[in-house]
Amino acid sequence: MKGRGASIAKVLGGEPMGPTAFAISAAKKDLATAVAFGQSIHATLPVTASALACFEEAEAAGLGDADATAVPIHWAQRPGSK
């Protein structure tokens, strides 16, 4: 996400999001795999599990095919986020 900060800022400013480079659904799958692996070796991954929940919420909101940078935009635009 660090390299995509300018793109995120543009979208927050009202510009359309560019093409998808890495979809939310794909990122969610990778995060779920990491959490499952952690569980299999009895490791707790609280940050990864929290990120997974964020990506699951964004996907449930219909953003599964959007670029993963849409997650912070989604969270910033949620009711009560300001």
PDB file of N, CA and C in Angstrom:
ATOM      1  N   MET A   1       0.814  -1.190   0.000  1.00  0.00           N
ATOM      2  CA  MET A   1       0.000   0.000   0.000  1.00  0.00           C
ATOM      3  C   MET A   1       0.866   1.267   0.000  1.00  0.00           C
ATOM      4  N   LYS A   2       2.066   1.185   0.556  1.00  0.00           N
ATOM      5  CA  LYS A   2       2.917   2.375   0.651  1.00  0.00           C
ATOM      6  C   LYS A   2       3.128   3.028  -0.707  1.00  0.00           C
ATOM      7  N   GLY A   3       3.373   2.230  -1.721  1.00  0.00           N
ATOM      8  CA  GLY A   3       3.603   2.758  -3.047  1.00  0.00           C
ATOM      9  C   GLY A   3       2.353   3.253  -3.740  1.00  0.00           C
ATOM     10  N   ARG A   4       1.202   3.004  -3.150  1.00  0.00           N
ATOM     11  CA  ARG A   4      -0.064   3.386  -3.774  1.00  0.00           C
ATOM     12  C   ARG A   4      -0.728   4.569  -3.073  1.00  0.00           C
ATOM     13  N   GLY A   5      -0.015   5.206  -2.142  1.00  0.00           N
ATOM     14  CA  GLY A   5      -0.581   6.313  -1.376  1.00  0.00           C
ATOM     15  C   GLY A   5      -1.140   7.431  -2.242  1.00  0.00           C
ATOM     16  N   ALA A   6      -0.417   7.781  -3.287  1.00  0.00           N
ATOM     17  CA  ALA A   6      -0.887   8.861  -4.168  1.00  0.00           C
ATOM     18  C   ALA A   6      -2.195   8.476  -4.859  1.00  0.00           C
ATOM     19  N   SER A   7      -2.309   7.219  -5.279  1.00  0.00           N
ATOM     20  CA  SER A   7      -3.542   6.748  -5.915  1.00  0.00           C
ATOM     21  C   SER A   7      -4.704   6.780  -4.942  1.00  0.00           C
ATOM     22  N   ILE A   8      -4.444   6.364  -3.705  1.00  0.00           N
ATOM     23  CA  ILE A   8      -5.489   6.381  -2.682  1.00  0.00           C
ATOM     24  C   ILE A   8      -5.954   7.812  -2.438  1.00  0.00           C
ATOM     25  N   ALA A   9      -5.016   8.737  -2.333  1.00  0.00           N
ATOM     26  CA  ALA A   9      -5.360  10.137  -2.098  1.00  0.00           C
ATOM     27  C   ALA A   9      -6.201  10.699  -3.246  1.00  0.00           C
ATOM     28  N   LYS A  10      -5.865  10.346  -4.470  1.00  0.00           N
ATOM     29  CA  LYS A  10      -6.637  10.827  -5.623  1.00  0.00           C
ATOM     30  C   LYS A  10      -8.080  10.333  -5.560  1.00  0.00           C
ATOM     31  N   VAL A  11      -8.255   9.054  -5.231  1.00  0.00           N
ATOM     32  CA  VAL A  11      -9.610   8.497  -5.150  1.00  0.00           C
ATOM     33  C   VAL A  11     -10.383   9.166  -4.011  1.00  0.00           C
ATOM     34  N   LEU A  12      -9.723   9.367  -2.876  1.00  0.00           N
ATOM     35  CA  LEU A  12     -10.385  10.064  -1.766  1.00  0.00           C
ATOM     36  C   LEU A  12     -10.763  11.483  -2.160  1.00  0.00           C
ATOM     37  N   GLY A  13     -10.023  12.053  -3.116  1.00  0.00           N
ATOM     38  CA  GLY A  13     -10.324  13.391  -3.616  1.00  0.00           C
ATOM     39  C   GLY A  13     -11.401  13.416  -4.687  1.00  0.00           C
ATOM     40  N   GLY A  14     -11.921  12.241  -5.041  1.00  0.00           N
ATOM     41  CA  GLY A  14     -13.028  12.189  -5.990  1.00  0.00           C
ATOM     42  C   GLY A  14     -12.699  11.638  -7.367  1.00  0.00           C
ATOM     43  N   GLU A  15     -11.438  11.354  -7.631  1.00  0.00           N
ATOM     44  CA  GLU A  15     -11.074  10.801  -8.936  1.00  0.00           C
ATOM     45  C   GLU A  15     -11.412   9.308  -8.977  1.00  0.00           C
ATOM     46  N   PRO A  16     -11.657   8.767 -10.171  1.00  0.00           N
ATOM     47  CA  PRO A  16     -11.960   7.336 -10.267  1.00  0.00           C
ATOM     48  C   PRO A  16     -10.727   6.479  -9.979  1.00  0.00           C
ATOM     49  N   MET A  17     -10.977   5.275  -9.477  1.00  0.00           N
ATOM     50  CA  MET A  17      -9.888   4.345  -9.211  1.00  0.00           C
ATOM     51  C   MET A  17      -9.390   3.787 -10.538  1.00  0.00           C
ATOM     52  N   GLY A  18      -8.121   3.602 -10.640  1.00  0.00           N
ATOM     53  CA  GLY A  18      -7.519   3.053 -11.851  1.00  0.00           C
ATOM     54  C   GLY A  18      -7.766   1.557 -11.962  1.00  0.00           C
ATOM     55  N   PRO A  19      -7.086   0.911 -12.885  1.00  0.00           N
ATOM     56  CA  PRO A  19      -7.283  -0.519 -13.092  1.00  0.00           C
ATOM     57  C   PRO A  19      -6.808  -1.341 -11.886  1.00  0.00           C
ATOM     58  N   THR A  20      -7.391  -2.508 -11.739  1.00  0.00           N
ATOM     59  CA  THR A  20      -7.052  -3.406 -10.640  1.00  0.00           C
ATOM     60  C   THR A  20      -5.721  -4.088 -10.916  1.00  0.00           C
ATOM     61  N   ALA A  21      -4.800  -3.957  -9.967  1.00  0.00           N
ATOM     62  CA  ALA A  21      -3.514  -4.653 -10.057  1.00  0.00           C
ATOM     63  C   ALA A  21      -3.540  -5.914  -9.208  1.00  0.00           C
ATOM     64  N   PHE A  22      -4.203  -5.856  -8.048  1.00  0.00           N
ATOM     65  CA  PHE A  22      -4.294  -6.996  -7.134  1.00  0.00           C
ATOM     66  C   PHE A  22      -5.641  -6.877  -6.430  1.00  0.00           C
ATOM     67  N   ALA A  23      -6.572  -7.746  -6.794  1.00  0.00           N
ATOM     68  CA  ALA A  23      -7.954  -7.650  -6.325  1.00  0.00           C
ATOM     69  C   ALA A  23      -8.084  -7.940  -4.831  1.00  0.00           C
ATOM     70  N   ILE A  24      -9.079  -7.312  -4.229  1.00  0.00           N
ATOM     71  CA  ILE A  24      -9.380  -7.531  -2.817  1.00  0.00           C
ATOM     72  C   ILE A  24      -9.618  -9.010  -2.549  1.00  0.00           C
ATOM     73  N   SER A  25     -10.345  -9.685  -3.419  1.00  0.00           N
ATOM     74  CA  SER A  25     -10.610 -11.112  -3.215  1.00  0.00           C
ATOM     75  C   SER A  25      -9.324 -11.933  -3.197  1.00  0.00           C
ATOM     76  N   ALA A  26      -8.372 -11.593  -4.048  1.00  0.00           N
ATOM     77  CA  ALA A  26      -7.092 -12.312  -4.076  1.00  0.00           C
ATOM     78  C   ALA A  26      -6.288 -12.032  -2.810  1.00  0.00           C
ATOM     79  N   ALA A  27      -6.286 -10.783  -2.375  1.00  0.00           N
ATOM     80  CA  ALA A  27      -5.579 -10.431  -1.144  1.00  0.00           C
ATOM     81  C   ALA A  27      -6.222 -11.117   0.047  1.00  0.00           C
ATOM     82  N   LYS A  28      -7.556 -11.165   0.057  1.00  0.00           N
ATOM     83  CA  LYS A  28      -8.277 -11.831   1.151  1.00  0.00           C
ATOM     84  C   LYS A  28      -7.903 -13.301   1.219  1.00  0.00           C
ATOM     85  N   LYS A  29      -7.803 -13.948   0.068  1.00  0.00           N
ATOM     86  CA  LYS A  29      -7.421 -15.356   0.018  1.00  0.00           C
ATOM     87  C   LYS A  29      -6.028 -15.550   0.597  1.00  0.00           C
ATOM     88  N   ASP A  30      -5.100 -14.682   0.239  1.00  0.00           N
ATOM     89  CA  ASP A  30      -3.738 -14.781   0.756  1.00  0.00           C
ATOM     90  C   ASP A  30      -3.695 -14.561   2.272  1.00  0.00           C
ATOM     91  N   LEU A  31      -4.454 -13.589   2.750  1.00  0.00           N
ATOM     92  CA  LEU A  31      -4.505 -13.334   4.183  1.00  0.00           C
ATOM     93  C   LEU A  31      -5.110 -14.530   4.926  1.00  0.00           C
ATOM     94  N   ALA A  32      -6.177 -15.110   4.365  1.00  0.00           N
ATOM     95  CA  ALA A  32      -6.803 -16.283   4.995  1.00  0.00           C
ATOM     96  C   ALA A  32      -5.831 -17.455   5.042  1.00  0.00           C
ATOM     97  N   THR A  33      -5.049 -17.620   3.988  1.00  0.00           N
ATOM     98  CA  THR A  33      -4.037 -18.682   3.959  1.00  0.00           C
ATOM     99  C   THR A  33      -2.994 -18.462   5.050  1.00  0.00           C
ATOM    100  N   ALA A  34      -2.562 -17.228   5.227  1.00  0.00           N
ATOM    101  CA  ALA A  34      -1.570 -16.919   6.254  1.00  0.00           C
ATOM    102  C   ALA A  34      -2.125 -17.187   7.650  1.00  0.00           C
ATOM    103  N   VAL A  35      -3.369 -16.783   7.897  1.00  0.00           N
ATOM    104  CA  VAL A  35      -3.981 -17.019   9.203  1.00  0.00           C
ATOM    105  C   VAL A  35      -4.121 -18.515   9.459  1.00  0.00           C
ATOM    106  N   ALA A  36      -4.561 -19.257   8.447  1.00  0.00           N
ATOM    107  CA  ALA A  36      -4.708 -20.717   8.597  1.00  0.00           C
ATOM    108  C   ALA A  36      -3.357 -21.380   8.862  1.00  0.00           C
ATOM    109  N   PHE A  37      -2.326 -20.934   8.167  1.00  0.00           N
ATOM    110  CA  PHE A  37      -1.001 -21.496   8.406  1.00  0.00           C
ATOM    111  C   PHE A  37      -0.543 -21.193   9.824  1.00  0.00           C
ATOM    112  N   GLY A  38      -0.743 -19.962  10.253  1.00  0.00           N
ATOM    113  CA  GLY A  38      -0.388 -19.596  11.616  1.00  0.00           C
ATOM    114  C   GLY A  38      -1.071 -20.495  12.632  1.00  0.00           C
ATOM    115  N   GLN A  39      -2.357 -20.738  12.413  1.00  0.00           N
ATOM    116  CA  GLN A  39      -3.091 -21.625  13.316  1.00  0.00           C
ATOM    117  C   GLN A  39      -2.513 -23.037  13.291  1.00  0.00           C
ATOM    118  N   SER A  40      -2.084 -23.486  12.121  1.00  0.00           N
ATOM    119  CA  SER A  40      -1.566 -24.856  11.996  1.00  0.00           C
ATOM    120  C   SER A  40      -0.262 -25.054  12.755  1.00  0.00           C
ATOM    121  N   ILE A  41       0.464 -23.962  12.987  1.00  0.00           N
ATOM    122  CA  ILE A  41       1.713 -24.074  13.745  1.00  0.00           C
ATOM    123  C   ILE A  41       1.562 -23.447  15.141  1.00  0.00           C
ATOM    124  N   HIS A  42       0.301 -23.238  15.538  1.00  0.00           N
ATOM    125  CA  HIS A  42      -0.033 -22.706  16.857  1.00  0.00           C
ATOM    126  C   HIS A  42       0.546 -21.310  17.093  1.00  0.00           C
ATOM    127  N   ALA A  43       0.543 -20.510  16.030  1.00  0.00           N
ATOM    128  CA  ALA A  43       0.993 -19.121  16.121  1.00  0.00           C
ATOM    129  C   ALA A  43      -0.222 -18.204  15.995  1.00  0.00           C
ATOM    130  N   THR A  44      -0.206 -17.150  16.746  1.00  0.00           N
ATOM    131  CA  THR A  44      -1.272 -16.159  16.668  1.00  0.00           C
ATOM    132  C   THR A  44      -0.784 -15.008  15.794  1.00  0.00           C
ATOM    133  N   LEU A  45      -1.599 -14.639  14.834  1.00  0.00           N
ATOM    134  CA  LEU A  45      -1.257 -13.546  13.916  1.00  0.00           C
ATOM    135  C   LEU A  45      -2.348 -12.479  14.006  1.00  0.00           C
ATOM    136  N   PRO A  46      -2.377 -11.708  15.104  1.00  0.00           N
ATOM    137  CA  PRO A  46      -3.489 -10.773  15.298  1.00  0.00           C
ATOM    138  C   PRO A  46      -3.586  -9.675  14.244  1.00  0.00           C
ATOM    139  N   VAL A  47      -2.473  -9.172  13.765  1.00  0.00           N
ATOM    140  CA  VAL A  47      -2.520  -8.106  12.757  1.00  0.00           C
ATOM    141  C   VAL A  47      -3.041  -8.672  11.435  1.00  0.00           C
ATOM    142  N   THR A  48      -2.552  -9.854  11.071  1.00  0.00           N
ATOM    143  CA  THR A  48      -3.007 -10.499   9.835  1.00  0.00           C
ATOM    144  C   THR A  48      -4.489 -10.840   9.931  1.00  0.00           C
ATOM    145  N   ALA A  49      -4.928 -11.340  11.081  1.00  0.00           N
ATOM    146  CA  ALA A  49      -6.344 -11.667  11.272  1.00  0.00           C
ATOM    147  C   ALA A  49      -7.208 -10.404  11.185  1.00  0.00           C
ATOM    148  N   SER A  50      -6.731  -9.296  11.735  1.00  0.00           N
ATOM    149  CA  SER A  50      -7.474  -8.038  11.649  1.00  0.00           C
ATOM    150  C   SER A  50      -7.543  -7.529  10.212  1.00  0.00           C
ATOM    151  N   ALA A  51      -6.419  -7.644   9.498  1.00  0.00           N
ATOM    152  CA  ALA A  51      -6.411  -7.245   8.084  1.00  0.00           C
ATOM    153  C   ALA A  51      -7.387  -8.109   7.293  1.00  0.00           C
ATOM    154  N   LEU A  52      -7.410  -9.403   7.587  1.00  0.00           N
ATOM    155  CA  LEU A  52      -8.344 -10.307   6.914  1.00  0.00           C
ATOM    156  C   LEU A  52      -9.783  -9.850   7.136  1.00  0.00           C
ATOM    157  N   ALA A  53     -10.120  -9.487   8.355  1.00  0.00           N
ATOM    158  CA  ALA A  53     -11.477  -9.009   8.638  1.00  0.00           C
ATOM    159  C   ALA A  53     -11.807  -7.765   7.821  1.00  0.00           C
ATOM    160  N   CYS A  54     -10.842  -6.873   7.664  1.00  0.00           N
ATOM    161  CA  CYS A  54     -11.053  -5.664   6.861  1.00  0.00           C
ATOM    162  C   CYS A  54     -11.308  -6.009   5.396  1.00  0.00           C
ATOM    163  N   PHE A  55     -10.527  -6.938   4.874  1.00  0.00           N
ATOM    164  CA  PHE A  55     -10.694  -7.343   3.484  1.00  0.00           C
ATOM    165  C   PHE A  55     -12.004  -8.108   3.293  1.00  0.00           C
ATOM    166  N   GLU A  56     -12.402  -8.896   4.281  1.00  0.00           N
ATOM    167  CA  GLU A  56     -13.689  -9.602   4.205  1.00  0.00           C
ATOM    168  C   GLU A  56     -14.841  -8.608   4.173  1.00  0.00           C
ATOM    169  N   GLU A  57     -14.763  -7.566   4.985  1.00  0.00           N
ATOM    170  CA  GLU A  57     -15.814  -6.548   4.990  1.00  0.00           C
ATOM    171  C   GLU A  57     -15.885  -5.827   3.650  1.00  0.00           C
ATOM    172  N   ALA A  58     -14.734  -5.475   3.103  1.00  0.00           N
ATOM    173  CA  ALA A  58     -14.711  -4.793   1.808  1.00  0.00           C
ATOM    174  C   ALA A  58     -15.279  -5.686   0.711  1.00  0.00           C
ATOM    175  N   GLU A  59     -14.929  -6.972   0.742  1.00  0.00           N
ATOM    176  CA  GLU A  59     -15.462  -7.901  -0.250  1.00  0.00           C
ATOM    177  C   GLU A  59     -16.975  -8.030  -0.097  1.00  0.00           C
ATOM    178  N   ALA A  60     -17.462  -8.116   1.147  1.00  0.00           N
ATOM    179  CA  ALA A  60     -18.906  -8.223   1.392  1.00  0.00           C
ATOM    180  C   ALA A  60     -19.643  -6.967   0.926  1.00  0.00           C
ATOM    181  N   ALA A  61     -18.940  -5.840   0.890  1.00  0.00           N
ATOM    182  CA  ALA A  61     -19.534  -4.586   0.421  1.00  0.00           C
ATOM    183  C   ALA A  61     -19.541  -4.497  -1.105  1.00  0.00           C
ATOM    184  N   GLY A  62     -19.108  -5.573  -1.771  1.00  0.00           N
ATOM    185  CA  GLY A  62     -19.137  -5.600  -3.230  1.00  0.00           C
ATOM    186  C   GLY A  62     -17.851  -5.164  -3.898  1.00  0.00           C
ATOM    187  N   LEU A  63     -16.766  -5.087  -3.142  1.00  0.00           N
ATOM    188  CA  LEU A  63     -15.509  -4.593  -3.694  1.00  0.00           C
ATOM    189  C   LEU A  63     -14.518  -5.700  -4.041  1.00  0.00           C
ATOM    190  N   GLY A  64     -14.962  -6.935  -4.110  1.00  0.00           N
ATOM    191  CA  GLY A  64     -14.052  -8.058  -4.329  1.00  0.00           C
ATOM    192  C   GLY A  64     -13.157  -7.933  -5.542  1.00  0.00           C
ATOM    193  N   ASP A  65     -13.665  -7.361  -6.625  1.00  0.00           N
ATOM    194  CA  ASP A  65     -12.876  -7.229  -7.847  1.00  0.00           C
ATOM    195  C   ASP A  65     -12.077  -5.931  -7.902  1.00  0.00           C
ATOM    196  N   ALA A  66     -12.287  -5.054  -6.937  1.00  0.00           N
ATOM    197  CA  ALA A  66     -11.565  -3.778  -6.901  1.00  0.00           C
ATOM    198  C   ALA A  66     -10.122  -4.012  -6.458  1.00  0.00           C
ATOM    199  N   ASP A  67      -9.268  -3.057  -6.775  1.00  0.00           N
ATOM    200  CA  ASP A  67      -7.876  -3.139  -6.352  1.00  0.00           C
ATOM    201  C   ASP A  67      -7.798  -3.117  -4.830  1.00  0.00           C
ATOM    202  N   ALA A  68      -6.822  -3.810  -4.281  1.00  0.00           N
ATOM    203  CA  ALA A  68      -6.664  -3.899  -2.823  1.00  0.00           C
ATOM    204  C   ALA A  68      -6.516  -2.528  -2.172  1.00  0.00           C
ATOM    205  N   THR A  69      -6.079  -1.528  -2.918  1.00  0.00           N
ATOM    206  CA  THR A  69      -5.982  -0.183  -2.343  1.00  0.00           C
ATOM    207  C   THR A  69      -7.356   0.406  -2.047  1.00  0.00           C
ATOM    208  N   ALA A  70      -8.421  -0.248  -2.505  1.00  0.00           N
ATOM    209  CA  ALA A  70      -9.771   0.225  -2.197  1.00  0.00           C
ATOM    210  C   ALA A  70     -10.134  -0.017  -0.734  1.00  0.00           C
ATOM    211  N   VAL A  71      -9.404  -0.894  -0.043  1.00  0.00           N
ATOM    212  CA  VAL A  71      -9.728  -1.183   1.361  1.00  0.00           C
ATOM    213  C   VAL A  71      -9.583   0.064   2.236  1.00  0.00           C
ATOM    214  N   PRO A  72      -8.450   0.771   2.216  1.00  0.00           N
ATOM    215  CA  PRO A  72      -8.390   1.970   3.059  1.00  0.00           C
ATOM    216  C   PRO A  72      -9.387   3.034   2.626  1.00  0.00           C
ATOM    217  N   ILE A  73      -9.700   3.085   1.357  1.00  0.00           N
ATOM    218  CA  ILE A  73     -10.707   4.036   0.874  1.00  0.00           C
ATOM    219  C   ILE A  73     -12.069   3.662   1.438  1.00  0.00           C
ATOM    220  N   HIS A  74     -12.387   2.367   1.380  1.00  0.00           N
ATOM    221  CA  HIS A  74     -13.653   1.859   1.933  1.00  0.00           C
ATOM    222  C   HIS A  74     -13.760   2.230   3.406  1.00  0.00           C
ATOM    223  N   TRP A  75     -12.700   2.003   4.166  1.00  0.00           N
ATOM    224  CA  TRP A  75     -12.722   2.282   5.605  1.00  0.00           C
ATOM    225  C   TRP A  75     -12.832   3.778   5.871  1.00  0.00           C
ATOM    226  N   ALA A  76     -12.157   4.579   5.076  1.00  0.00           N
ATOM    227  CA  ALA A  76     -12.217   6.026   5.273  1.00  0.00           C
ATOM    228  C   ALA A  76     -13.599   6.588   4.967  1.00  0.00           C
ATOM    229  N   GLN A  77     -14.351   5.922   4.091  1.00  0.00           N
ATOM    230  CA  GLN A  77     -15.646   6.414   3.676  1.00  0.00           C
ATOM    231  C   GLN A  77     -16.809   5.746   4.413  1.00  0.00           C
ATOM    232  N   ARG A  78     -16.506   4.868   5.358  1.00  0.00           N
ATOM    233  CA  ARG A  78     -17.559   4.210   6.133  1.00  0.00           C
ATOM    234  C   ARG A  78     -18.272   5.241   7.002  1.00  0.00           C
ATOM    235  N   PRO A  79     -19.573   5.049   7.245  1.00  0.00           N
ATOM    236  CA  PRO A  79     -20.279   5.958   8.145  1.00  0.00           C
ATOM    237  C   PRO A  79     -19.610   5.981   9.520  1.00  0.00           C
ATOM    238  N   GLY A  80     -19.439   7.145  10.058  1.00  0.00           N
ATOM    239  CA  GLY A  80     -18.847   7.295  11.379  1.00  0.00           C
ATOM    240  C   GLY A  80     -17.326   7.250  11.392  1.00  0.00           C
ATOM    241  N   SER A  81     -16.697   7.223  10.211  1.00  0.00           N
ATOM    242  CA  SER A  81     -15.233   7.118  10.167  1.00  0.00           C
ATOM    243  C   SER A  81     -14.542   8.475  10.314  1.00  0.00           C
ATOM    244  N   LYS A  82     -15.283   9.541  10.249  1.00  0.00           N
ATOM    245  CA  LYS A  82     -14.653  10.870  10.307  1.00  0.00           C
ATOM    246  C   LYS A  82     -14.783  11.469  11.666  1.00  0.00           C
TER     247      LYS A  82
END
